[in-house]
Amino acid sequence: MINHWRYVRPRFRSALSNLALTDAQIADGFGKSRGVAASLNRHYWDSSDGDANKLIVGSWGKGTAIRPPTDIDQFCILPNEVFHDFNLRQGNVQSQLLQAVRNVLLGSYPQTNMRGDGQVVVVSFNSVTIEVVPAFHAQGGGYLTCDTNNGGSWKQVFPIGEMEILSANDNNYGGNLRKLTKLLKRWKRECEVPIKSFHIEQLVRECLDQSTYSRQDEYYFDWLIRDVLAYMIGRVGQSFWMPGSNTLEMIQLGDAWQSKTETAHRRAVKACGYEYDNMEVSAGLEWQKLFGSVIPTSVD
């Protein structure tokens, strides 16, 4: 009797291990995060605490970061009187605030490349980029952040709620939401797929909601990858409500990623067939067309 799918579990466990941030990368990233926070705290709060008045969001906050790390999204909470001061000014006050925060950080990092960019101040270190989001506590919960587009405006966001929803769903599916998101973020990077990472998170969750094997371990990951890609194709051009938000923000998925997702799905279907027949190297080579060298062709 043939034991089908012999290589699926060890193959995907190896890939996930290869995607995990190293201890050195984690220490470096959080060390630079604390340095940035301490710089702003000294200026705005008269404190050098690198852990106060900040919130790590994005992939590092959600536990979906992959290696090599690219950027850390960091809310830096400023005193409300700063908000009131800038809000009384003329012109694009959000752009002015970003420039003020940039100038503070330049005092601590004069040799580091940084720029204001829409909603963030981008601090480009050699090993990782910190994307600083100046933020204020908002009435009714969440935070007010800058948007410099179209003359400037304030945007109320709820990152804690978003992260809590992801964690709850990940726990419900035995960790598979984060695992599959990491794999598909690697596909996004490897194949230069024009889709946002938090769109991937949402679509993975939606697919798991309807999957009969969403709580199974890596033995089912060939099917799960195939099925998530198929689900994504069915959601092209549609939208979803921003999770964790009290403002009912509608997010458009767009369609720029359709062609590459269709190609990836065809390759995943082929790889699933190879996995069934225990064609170890053929399956690995097909998966590498999606994920690159992080997924092995040969499994010990």
C-alpha atoms as a PDB file:
ATOM      1  CA  MET A   1       0.000   0.000   0.000  1.00  0.00           C
ATOM      2  CA  ILE A   2       1.439   3.360  -1.047  1.00  0.00           C
ATOM      3  CA  ASN A   3       1.791   5.991   1.650  1.00  0.00           C
ATOM      4  CA  HIS A   4       0.817   9.110  -0.293  1.00  0.00           C
ATOM      5  CA  TRP A   5       1.872  12.693   0.578  1.00  0.00           C
ATOM      6  CA  ARG A   6       5.011  11.452   2.366  1.00  0.00           C
ATOM      7  CA  TYR A   7       6.954  14.712   1.970  1.00  0.00           C
ATOM      8  CA  VAL A   8       4.311  17.384   2.547  1.00  0.00           C
ATOM      9  CA  ARG A   9       4.578  17.781   6.323  1.00  0.00           C
ATOM     10  CA  PRO A  10       8.401  17.924   6.563  1.00  0.00           C
ATOM     11  CA  ARG A  11       8.624  20.113   3.453  1.00  0.00           C
ATOM     12  CA  PHE A  12       6.341  22.829   4.780  1.00  0.00           C
ATOM     13  CA  ARG A  13       7.715  22.633   8.308  1.00  0.00           C
ATOM     14  CA  SER A  14      11.169  23.222   6.852  1.00  0.00           C
ATOM     15  CA  ALA A  15       9.890  26.182   4.816  1.00  0.00           C
ATOM     16  CA  LEU A  16       8.287  27.770   7.858  1.00  0.00           C
ATOM     17  CA  SER A  17      11.492  27.288   9.844  1.00  0.00           C
ATOM     18  CA  ASN A  18      13.438  28.999   7.056  1.00  0.00           C
ATOM     19  CA  LEU A  19      10.997  31.931   7.112  1.00  0.00           C
ATOM     20  CA  ALA A  20      11.173  32.509  10.872  1.00  0.00           C
ATOM     21  CA  LEU A  21      13.084  35.584  12.052  1.00  0.00           C
ATOM     22  CA  THR A  22      16.350  34.685  13.732  1.00  0.00           C
ATOM     23  CA  ASP A  23      17.075  35.672  17.331  1.00  0.00           C
ATOM     24  CA  ALA A  24      19.666  38.142  16.039  1.00  0.00           C
ATOM     25  CA  GLN A  25      17.162  39.727  13.636  1.00  0.00           C
ATOM     26  CA  ILE A  26      14.564  40.039  16.394  1.00  0.00           C
ATOM     27  CA  ALA A  27      17.063  41.604  18.798  1.00  0.00           C
ATOM     28  CA  ASP A  28      18.284  44.011  16.121  1.00  0.00           C
ATOM     29  CA  GLY A  29      14.783  45.045  15.058  1.00  0.00           C
ATOM     30  CA  PHE A  30      13.452  45.637  18.534  1.00  0.00           C
ATOM     31  CA  GLY A  31      16.681  47.375  19.528  1.00  0.00           C
ATOM     32  CA  LYS A  32      16.293  49.887  16.705  1.00  0.00           C
ATOM     33  CA  SER A  33      12.597  50.247  17.546  1.00  0.00           C
ATOM     34  CA  ARG A  34      13.473  51.151  21.134  1.00  0.00           C
ATOM     35  CA  GLY A  35      16.094  53.644  19.980  1.00  0.00           C
ATOM     36  CA  VAL A  36      13.588  55.466  17.771  1.00  0.00           C
ATOM     37  CA  ALA A  37      11.002  55.532  20.552  1.00  0.00           C
ATOM     38  CA  ALA A  38      13.546  56.815  23.069  1.00  0.00           C
ATOM     39  CA  SER A  39      14.520  59.658  20.733  1.00  0.00           C
ATOM     40  CA  LEU A  40      10.927  60.849  20.393  1.00  0.00           C
ATOM     41  CA  ASN A  41      10.181  60.308  24.068  1.00  0.00           C
ATOM     42  CA  ARG A  42      13.100  62.529  25.064  1.00  0.00           C
ATOM     43  CA  HIS A  43      11.741  65.335  22.911  1.00  0.00           C
ATOM     44  CA  TYR A  44       8.014  64.996  23.558  1.00  0.00           C
ATOM     45  CA  TRP A  45       7.745  63.278  26.958  1.00  0.00           C
ATOM     46  CA  ASP A  46      11.011  64.194  28.764  1.00  0.00           C
ATOM     47  CA  SER A  47      11.815  60.484  29.089  1.00  0.00           C
ATOM     48  CA  SER A  48      14.379  58.132  27.565  1.00  0.00           C
ATOM     49  CA  ASP A  49      12.207  55.034  27.897  1.00  0.00           C
ATOM     50  CA  GLY A  50      12.422  53.085  24.639  1.00  0.00           C
ATOM     51  CA  ASP A  51       9.355  50.995  25.420  1.00  0.00           C
ATOM     52  CA  ALA A  52       6.904  53.740  26.417  1.00  0.00           C
ATOM     53  CA  ASN A  53       4.443  55.583  24.180  1.00  0.00           C
ATOM     54  CA  LYS A  54       4.767  53.179  21.282  1.00  0.00           C
ATOM     55  CA  LEU A  55       2.900  50.327  19.662  1.00  0.00           C
ATOM     56  CA  ILE A  56       4.435  47.814  17.256  1.00  0.00           C
ATOM     57  CA  VAL A  57       1.873  47.078  14.547  1.00  0.00           C
ATOM     58  CA  GLY A  58       1.999  45.514  11.086  1.00  0.00           C
ATOM     59  CA  SER A  59       3.723  42.170  10.600  1.00  0.00           C
ATOM     60  CA  TRP A  60       5.949  42.485  13.684  1.00  0.00           C
ATOM     61  CA  GLY A  61       2.961  43.288  15.869  1.00  0.00           C
ATOM     62  CA  LYS A  62       0.854  40.497  14.373  1.00  0.00           C
ATOM     63  CA  GLY A  63       3.555  37.823  14.394  1.00  0.00           C
ATOM     64  CA  THR A  64       3.569  37.439  10.595  1.00  0.00           C
ATOM     65  CA  ALA A  65       7.010  38.895   9.816  1.00  0.00           C
ATOM     66  CA  ILE A  66       9.305  36.773   7.665  1.00  0.00           C
ATOM     67  CA  ARG A  67      13.004  36.866   7.005  1.00  0.00           C
ATOM     68  CA  PRO A  68      14.860  38.688   5.811  1.00  0.00           C
ATOM     69  CA  PRO A  69      13.041  41.461   7.677  1.00  0.00           C
ATOM     70  CA  THR A  70      12.200  44.603   5.708  1.00  0.00           C
ATOM     71  CA  ASP A  71      10.386  47.090   7.928  1.00  0.00           C
ATOM     72  CA  ILE A  72       8.828  47.531  11.344  1.00  0.00           C
ATOM     73  CA  ASP A  73       5.629  49.565  11.575  1.00  0.00           C
ATOM     74  CA  GLN A  74       5.672  51.522  14.817  1.00  0.00           C
ATOM     75  CA  PHE A  75       3.106  53.894  16.278  1.00  0.00           C
ATOM     76  CA  CYS A  76       4.825  56.563  18.363  1.00  0.00           C
ATOM     77  CA  ILE A  77       2.252  58.163  20.645  1.00  0.00           C
ATOM     78  CA  LEU A  78       2.633  61.936  21.062  1.00  0.00           C
ATOM     79  CA  PRO A  79       1.035  64.190  23.708  1.00  0.00           C
ATOM     80  CA  ASN A  80      -2.425  65.455  22.784  1.00  0.00           C
ATOM     81  CA  GLU A  81      -1.259  69.050  23.167  1.00  0.00           C
ATOM     82  CA  VAL A  82       0.986  68.477  20.142  1.00  0.00           C
ATOM     83  CA  PHE A  83      -2.116  67.529  18.165  1.00  0.00           C
ATOM     84  CA  HIS A  84      -3.947  70.680  19.269  1.00  0.00           C
ATOM     85  CA  ASP A  85      -0.909  72.841  18.462  1.00  0.00           C
ATOM     86  CA  PHE A  86      -0.565  71.519  14.906  1.00  0.00           C
ATOM     87  CA  ASN A  87      -4.290  71.487  14.304  1.00  0.00           C
ATOM     88  CA  LEU A  88      -4.373  75.271  14.804  1.00  0.00           C
ATOM     89  CA  ARG A  89      -1.808  75.851  12.057  1.00  0.00           C
ATOM     90  CA  GLN A  90      -2.465  76.705   8.432  1.00  0.00           C
ATOM     91  CA  GLY A  91      -1.810  74.469   5.442  1.00  0.00           C
ATOM     92  CA  ASN A  92      -1.131  70.758   5.431  1.00  0.00           C
ATOM     93  CA  VAL A  93      -0.616  70.324   9.167  1.00  0.00           C
ATOM     94  CA  GLN A  94      -0.190  66.571   8.812  1.00  0.00           C
ATOM     95  CA  SER A  95       2.795  67.085   6.508  1.00  0.00           C
ATOM     96  CA  GLN A  96       4.176  69.644   8.946  1.00  0.00           C
ATOM     97  CA  LEU A  97       3.890  67.134  11.798  1.00  0.00           C
ATOM     98  CA  LEU A  98       5.701  64.439   9.839  1.00  0.00           C
ATOM     99  CA  GLN A  99       8.512  66.889   9.094  1.00  0.00           C
ATOM    100  CA  ALA A 100       8.718  67.895  12.761  1.00  0.00           C
ATOM    101  CA  VAL A 101       9.011  64.248  13.838  1.00  0.00           C
ATOM    102  CA  ARG A 102      11.598  63.653  11.112  1.00  0.00           C
ATOM    103  CA  ASN A 103      13.665  66.583  12.359  1.00  0.00           C
ATOM    104  CA  VAL A 104      13.608  65.222  15.917  1.00  0.00           C
ATOM    105  CA  LEU A 105      14.836  61.835  14.709  1.00  0.00           C
ATOM    106  CA  LEU A 106      17.537  63.439  12.559  1.00  0.00           C
ATOM    107  CA  GLY A 107      18.962  64.892  15.762  1.00  0.00           C
ATOM    108  CA  SER A 108      19.537  61.339  17.021  1.00  0.00           C
ATOM    109  CA  TYR A 109      20.385  59.727  13.677  1.00  0.00           C
ATOM    110  CA  PRO A 110      22.066  62.407  11.530  1.00  0.00           C
ATOM    111  CA  GLN A 111      23.720  59.837   9.240  1.00  0.00           C
ATOM    112  CA  THR A 112      20.561  57.804   8.648  1.00  0.00           C
ATOM    113  CA  ASN A 113      18.436  58.221   5.550  1.00  0.00           C
ATOM    114  CA  MET A 114      14.871  59.205   6.438  1.00  0.00           C
ATOM    115  CA  ARG A 115      11.900  60.830   4.784  1.00  0.00           C
ATOM    116  CA  GLY A 116       8.262  61.707   5.371  1.00  0.00           C
ATOM    117  CA  ASP A 117       6.080  59.475   3.238  1.00  0.00           C
ATOM    118  CA  GLY A 118       2.295  59.954   3.221  1.00  0.00           C
ATOM    119  CA  GLN A 119       1.432  58.657   6.691  1.00  0.00           C
ATOM    120  CA  VAL A 120       4.827  57.757   8.146  1.00  0.00           C
ATOM    121  CA  VAL A 121       8.390  58.858   8.702  1.00  0.00           C
ATOM    122  CA  VAL A 122      10.629  56.232   7.131  1.00  0.00           C
ATOM    123  CA  VAL A 123      13.884  55.668   9.047  1.00  0.00           C
ATOM    124  CA  SER A 124      16.142  53.498   6.884  1.00  0.00           C
ATOM    125  CA  PHE A 125      18.762  51.658   8.911  1.00  0.00           C
ATOM    126  CA  ASN A 126      21.125  49.274   7.148  1.00  0.00           C
ATOM    127  CA  SER A 127      19.493  46.107   8.471  1.00  0.00           C
ATOM    128  CA  VAL A 128      15.839  47.111   8.856  1.00  0.00           C
ATOM    129  CA  THR A 129      13.584  50.102   8.243  1.00  0.00           C
ATOM    130  CA  ILE A 130      11.439  51.623  10.977  1.00  0.00           C
ATOM    131  CA  GLU A 131       8.253  53.206   9.642  1.00  0.00           C
ATOM    132  CA  VAL A 132       7.236  55.688  12.330  1.00  0.00           C
ATOM    133  CA  VAL A 133       3.550  56.577  12.564  1.00  0.00           C
ATOM    134  CA  PRO A 134       3.028  59.680  14.726  1.00  0.00           C
ATOM    135  CA  ALA A 135      -0.212  59.001  16.580  1.00  0.00           C
ATOM    136  CA  PHE A 136      -2.529  60.433  19.218  1.00  0.00           C
ATOM    137  CA  HIS A 137      -5.060  58.762  21.474  1.00  0.00           C
ATOM    138  CA  ALA A 138      -8.484  59.339  19.917  1.00  0.00           C
ATOM    139  CA  GLN A 139     -11.811  59.955  21.566  1.00  0.00           C
ATOM    140  CA  GLY A 140     -13.891  56.821  21.237  1.00  0.00           C
ATOM    141  CA  GLY A 141     -10.819  54.582  21.127  1.00  0.00           C
ATOM    142  CA  GLY A 142      -8.054  53.905  18.675  1.00  0.00           C
ATOM    143  CA  TYR A 143      -5.586  56.483  17.413  1.00  0.00           C
ATOM    144  CA  LEU A 144      -5.502  59.516  15.155  1.00  0.00           C
ATOM    145  CA  THR A 145      -2.787  59.332  12.510  1.00  0.00           C
ATOM    146  CA  CYS A 146      -1.615  61.560   9.666  1.00  0.00           C
ATOM    147  CA  ASP A 147      -2.606  61.395   6.045  1.00  0.00           C
ATOM    148  CA  THR A 148      -0.798  64.038   4.017  1.00  0.00           C
ATOM    149  CA  ASN A 149      -2.668  63.304   0.778  1.00  0.00           C
ATOM    150  CA  ASN A 150      -5.232  65.691  -0.719  1.00  0.00           C
ATOM    151  CA  GLY A 151      -4.278  68.602   1.510  1.00  0.00           C
ATOM    152  CA  GLY A 152      -3.975  66.553   4.687  1.00  0.00           C
ATOM    153  CA  SER A 153      -6.408  64.930   7.118  1.00  0.00           C
ATOM    154  CA  TRP A 154      -6.559  62.931  10.330  1.00  0.00           C
ATOM    155  CA  LYS A 155      -7.482  59.259  10.200  1.00  0.00           C
ATOM    156  CA  GLN A 156      -8.858  57.242  13.112  1.00  0.00           C
ATOM    157  CA  VAL A 157      -7.463  53.699  13.175  1.00  0.00           C
ATOM    158  CA  PHE A 158      -7.814  50.691  15.489  1.00  0.00           C
ATOM    159  CA  PRO A 159      -4.641  48.589  15.214  1.00  0.00           C
ATOM    160  CA  ILE A 160      -5.087  46.818  18.561  1.00  0.00           C
ATOM    161  CA  GLY A 161      -8.492  45.510  17.531  1.00  0.00           C
ATOM    162  CA  GLU A 162      -7.057  44.326  14.216  1.00  0.00           C
ATOM    163  CA  MET A 163      -4.229  42.459  15.966  1.00  0.00           C
ATOM    164  CA  GLU A 164      -6.595  40.917  18.523  1.00  0.00           C
ATOM    165  CA  ILE A 165      -8.878  39.602  15.775  1.00  0.00           C
ATOM    166  CA  LEU A 166      -5.946  38.037  13.937  1.00  0.00           C
ATOM    167  CA  SER A 167      -4.695  36.356  17.126  1.00  0.00           C
ATOM    168  CA  ALA A 168      -8.154  35.009  17.978  1.00  0.00           C
ATOM    169  CA  ASN A 169      -8.574  33.552  14.493  1.00  0.00           C
ATOM    170  CA  ASP A 170      -5.057  32.117  14.495  1.00  0.00           C
ATOM    171  CA  ASN A 171      -5.757  30.368  17.804  1.00  0.00           C
ATOM    172  CA  ASN A 172      -9.037  29.046  16.405  1.00  0.00           C
ATOM    173  CA  TYR A 173      -7.195  27.478  13.473  1.00  0.00           C
ATOM    174  CA  GLY A 174      -4.298  26.014  15.426  1.00  0.00           C
ATOM    175  CA  GLY A 175      -1.769  28.601  14.242  1.00  0.00           C
ATOM    176  CA  ASN A 176      -2.518  28.074  10.554  1.00  0.00           C
ATOM    177  CA  LEU A 177      -3.583  31.656   9.854  1.00  0.00           C
ATOM    178  CA  ARG A 178      -0.144  33.011  10.676  1.00  0.00           C
ATOM    179  CA  LYS A 179       1.677  30.094   9.033  1.00  0.00           C
ATOM    180  CA  LEU A 180      -0.188  30.346   5.742  1.00  0.00           C
ATOM    181  CA  THR A 181       0.088  34.133   5.765  1.00  0.00           C
ATOM    182  CA  LYS A 182       3.866  33.869   6.138  1.00  0.00           C
ATOM    183  CA  LEU A 183       4.104  31.437   3.239  1.00  0.00           C
ATOM    184  CA  LEU A 184       1.971  33.622   0.985  1.00  0.00           C
ATOM    185  CA  LYS A 185       3.911  36.734   1.987  1.00  0.00           C
ATOM    186  CA  ARG A 186       6.996  34.873   0.809  1.00  0.00           C
ATOM    187  CA  TRP A 187       5.184  34.172  -2.488  1.00  0.00           C
ATOM    188  CA  LYS A 188       4.270  37.881  -2.705  1.00  0.00           C
ATOM    189  CA  ARG A 189       7.954  38.794  -2.266  1.00  0.00           C
ATOM    190  CA  GLU A 190       9.396  36.030  -4.434  1.00  0.00           C
ATOM    191  CA  CYS A 191       7.025  36.583  -7.371  1.00  0.00           C
ATOM    192  CA  GLU A 192       6.587  40.363  -6.892  1.00  0.00           C
ATOM    193  CA  VAL A 193       2.821  40.054  -6.496  1.00  0.00           C
ATOM    194  CA  PRO A 194       1.158  43.505  -6.224  1.00  0.00           C
ATOM    195  CA  ILE A 195      -1.077  42.748  -3.242  1.00  0.00           C
ATOM    196  CA  LYS A 196      -0.882  44.154   0.284  1.00  0.00           C
ATOM    197  CA  SER A 197       0.108  41.842   3.116  1.00  0.00           C
ATOM    198  CA  PHE A 198      -2.955  42.597   5.207  1.00  0.00           C
ATOM    199  CA  HIS A 199      -5.127  41.717   2.207  1.00  0.00           C
ATOM    200  CA  ILE A 200      -3.425  38.314   2.204  1.00  0.00           C
ATOM    201  CA  GLU A 201      -4.174  37.928   5.919  1.00  0.00           C
ATOM    202  CA  GLN A 202      -7.841  38.660   5.338  1.00  0.00           C
ATOM    203  CA  LEU A 203      -8.203  36.293   2.391  1.00  0.00           C
ATOM    204  CA  VAL A 204      -6.402  33.461   4.193  1.00  0.00           C
ATOM    205  CA  ARG A 205      -8.772  33.885   7.147  1.00  0.00           C
ATOM    206  CA  GLU A 206     -11.837  33.874   4.910  1.00  0.00           C
ATOM    207  CA  CYS A 207     -10.655  30.708   3.178  1.00  0.00           C
ATOM    208  CA  LEU A 208      -9.959  28.969   6.488  1.00  0.00           C
ATOM    209  CA  ASP A 209     -13.451  29.916   7.658  1.00  0.00           C
ATOM    210  CA  GLN A 210     -14.917  27.623   5.016  1.00  0.00           C
ATOM    211  CA  SER A 211     -12.264  24.901   4.819  1.00  0.00           C
ATOM    212  CA  THR A 212     -12.960  21.438   6.228  1.00  0.00           C
ATOM    213  CA  TYR A 213      -9.273  20.956   7.141  1.00  0.00           C
ATOM    214  CA  SER A 214      -8.412  24.442   8.384  1.00  0.00           C
ATOM    215  CA  ARG A 215      -7.247  23.096  11.770  1.00  0.00           C
ATOM    216  CA  GLN A 216      -5.039  20.323  10.398  1.00  0.00           C
ATOM    217  CA  ASP A 217      -1.250  20.505  10.601  1.00  0.00           C
ATOM    218  CA  GLU A 218       1.302  20.929   7.798  1.00  0.00           C
ATOM    219  CA  TYR A 219       0.330  17.560   6.303  1.00  0.00           C
ATOM    220  CA  TYR A 220      -2.530  19.470   4.614  1.00  0.00           C
ATOM    221  CA  PHE A 221      -0.572  22.556   3.589  1.00  0.00           C
ATOM    222  CA  ASP A 222      -0.278  21.556  -0.063  1.00  0.00           C
ATOM    223  CA  TRP A 223      -4.079  21.540  -0.290  1.00  0.00           C
ATOM    224  CA  LEU A 224      -4.443  24.639   1.871  1.00  0.00           C
ATOM    225  CA  ILE A 225      -2.053  26.673  -0.279  1.00  0.00           C
ATOM    226  CA  ARG A 226      -3.859  25.491  -3.399  1.00  0.00           C
ATOM    227  CA  ASP A 227      -7.265  26.316  -1.922  1.00  0.00           C
ATOM    228  CA  VAL A 228      -6.287  29.746  -0.607  1.00  0.00           C
ATOM    229  CA  LEU A 229      -4.994  30.707  -4.045  1.00  0.00           C
ATOM    230  CA  ALA A 230      -8.239  29.493  -5.633  1.00  0.00           C
ATOM    231  CA  TYR A 231     -10.239  31.447  -3.072  1.00  0.00           C
ATOM    232  CA  MET A 232      -8.206  34.577  -3.779  1.00  0.00           C
ATOM    233  CA  ILE A 233      -8.989  34.321  -7.485  1.00  0.00           C
ATOM    234  CA  GLY A 234     -12.688  34.274  -6.612  1.00  0.00           C
ATOM    235  CA  ARG A 235     -12.292  37.494  -4.613  1.00  0.00           C
ATOM    236  CA  VAL A 236     -10.551  39.528  -7.335  1.00  0.00           C
ATOM    237  CA  GLY A 237     -11.997  43.039  -7.594  1.00  0.00           C
ATOM    238  CA  GLN A 238     -14.063  42.703  -4.421  1.00  0.00           C
ATOM    239  CA  SER A 239     -13.739  44.270  -0.961  1.00  0.00           C
ATOM    240  CA  PHE A 240     -13.907  43.619   2.790  1.00  0.00           C
ATOM    241  CA  TRP A 241     -14.576  45.546   5.984  1.00  0.00           C
ATOM    242  CA  MET A 242     -11.429  46.506   7.872  1.00  0.00           C
ATOM    243  CA  PRO A 243     -11.205  44.106  10.863  1.00  0.00           C
ATOM    244  CA  GLY A 244     -11.144  45.655  14.314  1.00  0.00           C
ATOM    245  CA  SER A 245     -12.321  49.058  13.087  1.00  0.00           C
ATOM    246  CA  ASN A 246     -15.205  50.974  14.629  1.00  0.00           C
ATOM    247  CA  THR A 247     -15.485  53.156  11.540  1.00  0.00           C
ATOM    248  CA  LEU A 248     -16.687  50.455   9.080  1.00  0.00           C
ATOM    249  CA  GLU A 249     -13.876  51.159   6.642  1.00  0.00           C
ATOM    250  CA  MET A 250     -14.305  49.357   3.332  1.00  0.00           C
ATOM    251  CA  ILE A 251     -11.050  48.021   1.824  1.00  0.00           C
ATOM    252  CA  GLN A 252     -10.839  47.417  -1.926  1.00  0.00           C
ATOM    253  CA  LEU A 253      -8.873  44.352  -3.001  1.00  0.00           C
ATOM    254  CA  GLY A 254      -8.277  45.446  -6.592  1.00  0.00           C
ATOM    255  CA  ASP A 255      -7.254  43.111  -9.393  1.00  0.00           C
ATOM    256  CA  ALA A 256      -3.593  43.862 -10.178  1.00  0.00           C
ATOM    257  CA  TRP A 257      -2.589  40.576  -8.554  1.00  0.00           C
ATOM    258  CA  GLN A 258      -5.013  38.355 -10.502  1.00  0.00           C
ATOM    259  CA  SER A 259      -2.676  37.064 -13.217  1.00  0.00           C
ATOM    260  CA  LYS A 260       0.126  36.059 -10.842  1.00  0.00           C
ATOM    261  CA  THR A 261      -2.362  34.383  -8.500  1.00  0.00           C
ATOM    262  CA  GLU A 262      -3.815  32.342 -11.357  1.00  0.00           C
ATOM    263  CA  THR A 263      -0.308  31.268 -12.351  1.00  0.00           C
ATOM    264  CA  ALA A 264       0.514  30.346  -8.749  1.00  0.00           C
ATOM    265  CA  HIS A 265      -2.697  28.312  -8.443  1.00  0.00           C
ATOM    266  CA  ARG A 266      -1.877  26.284 -11.558  1.00  0.00           C
ATOM    267  CA  ARG A 267       1.565  25.529 -10.172  1.00  0.00           C
ATOM    268  CA  ALA A 268       0.125  24.605  -6.769  1.00  0.00           C
ATOM    269  CA  VAL A 269      -2.311  22.169  -8.410  1.00  0.00           C
ATOM    270  CA  LYS A 270       0.605  20.556 -10.238  1.00  0.00           C
ATOM    271  CA  ALA A 271       2.678  20.402  -7.036  1.00  0.00           C
ATOM    272  CA  CYS A 272      -0.232  18.783  -5.180  1.00  0.00           C
ATOM    273  CA  GLY A 273      -0.311  16.045  -7.797  1.00  0.00           C
ATOM    274  CA  TYR A 274       3.399  15.437  -7.381  1.00  0.00           C
ATOM    275  CA  GLU A 275       3.000  15.341  -3.591  1.00  0.00           C
ATOM    276  CA  TYR A 276       0.268  12.693  -3.871  1.00  0.00           C
ATOM    277  CA  ASP A 277       2.592  10.492  -5.921  1.00  0.00           C
ATOM    278  CA  ASN A 278       5.558  11.135  -3.602  1.00  0.00           C
ATOM    279  CA  MET A 279       7.550  12.736  -6.404  1.00  0.00           C
ATOM    280  CA  GLU A 280       9.767  14.499  -3.877  1.00  0.00           C
ATOM    281  CA  VAL A 281      11.986  16.616  -6.115  1.00  0.00           C
ATOM    282  CA  SER A 282       9.356  17.387  -8.764  1.00  0.00           C
ATOM    283  CA  ALA A 283       7.005  18.695  -6.078  1.00  0.00           C
ATOM    284  CA  GLY A 284       9.777  20.719  -4.479  1.00  0.00           C
ATOM    285  CA  LEU A 285      10.795  22.296  -7.758  1.00  0.00           C
ATOM    286  CA  GLU A 286       7.192  23.287  -8.450  1.00  0.00           C
ATOM    287  CA  TRP A 287       6.767  24.828  -4.982  1.00  0.00           C
ATOM    288  CA  GLN A 288      10.004  26.739  -5.479  1.00  0.00           C
ATOM    289  CA  LYS A 289       8.353  28.554  -8.377  1.00  0.00           C
ATOM    290  CA  LEU A 290       6.096  30.089  -5.717  1.00  0.00           C
ATOM    291  CA  PHE A 291       8.300  30.340  -2.646  1.00  0.00           C
ATOM    292  CA  GLY A 292      11.874  30.234  -3.862  1.00  0.00           C
ATOM    293  CA  SER A 293      14.651  28.391  -2.090  1.00  0.00           C
ATOM    294  CA  VAL A 294      13.080  28.600   1.372  1.00  0.00           C
ATOM    295  CA  ILE A 295      11.072  25.485   0.503  1.00  0.00           C
ATOM    296  CA  PRO A 296      13.285  22.448  -0.049  1.00  0.00           C
ATOM    297  CA  THR A 297      13.285  20.126  -3.040  1.00  0.00           C
ATOM    298  CA  SER A 298      14.649  17.250  -0.955  1.00  0.00           C
ATOM    299  CA  VAL A 299      13.310  16.477   2.497  1.00  0.00           C
ATOM    300  CA  ASP A 300      15.339  14.576   5.094  1.00  0.00           C
END
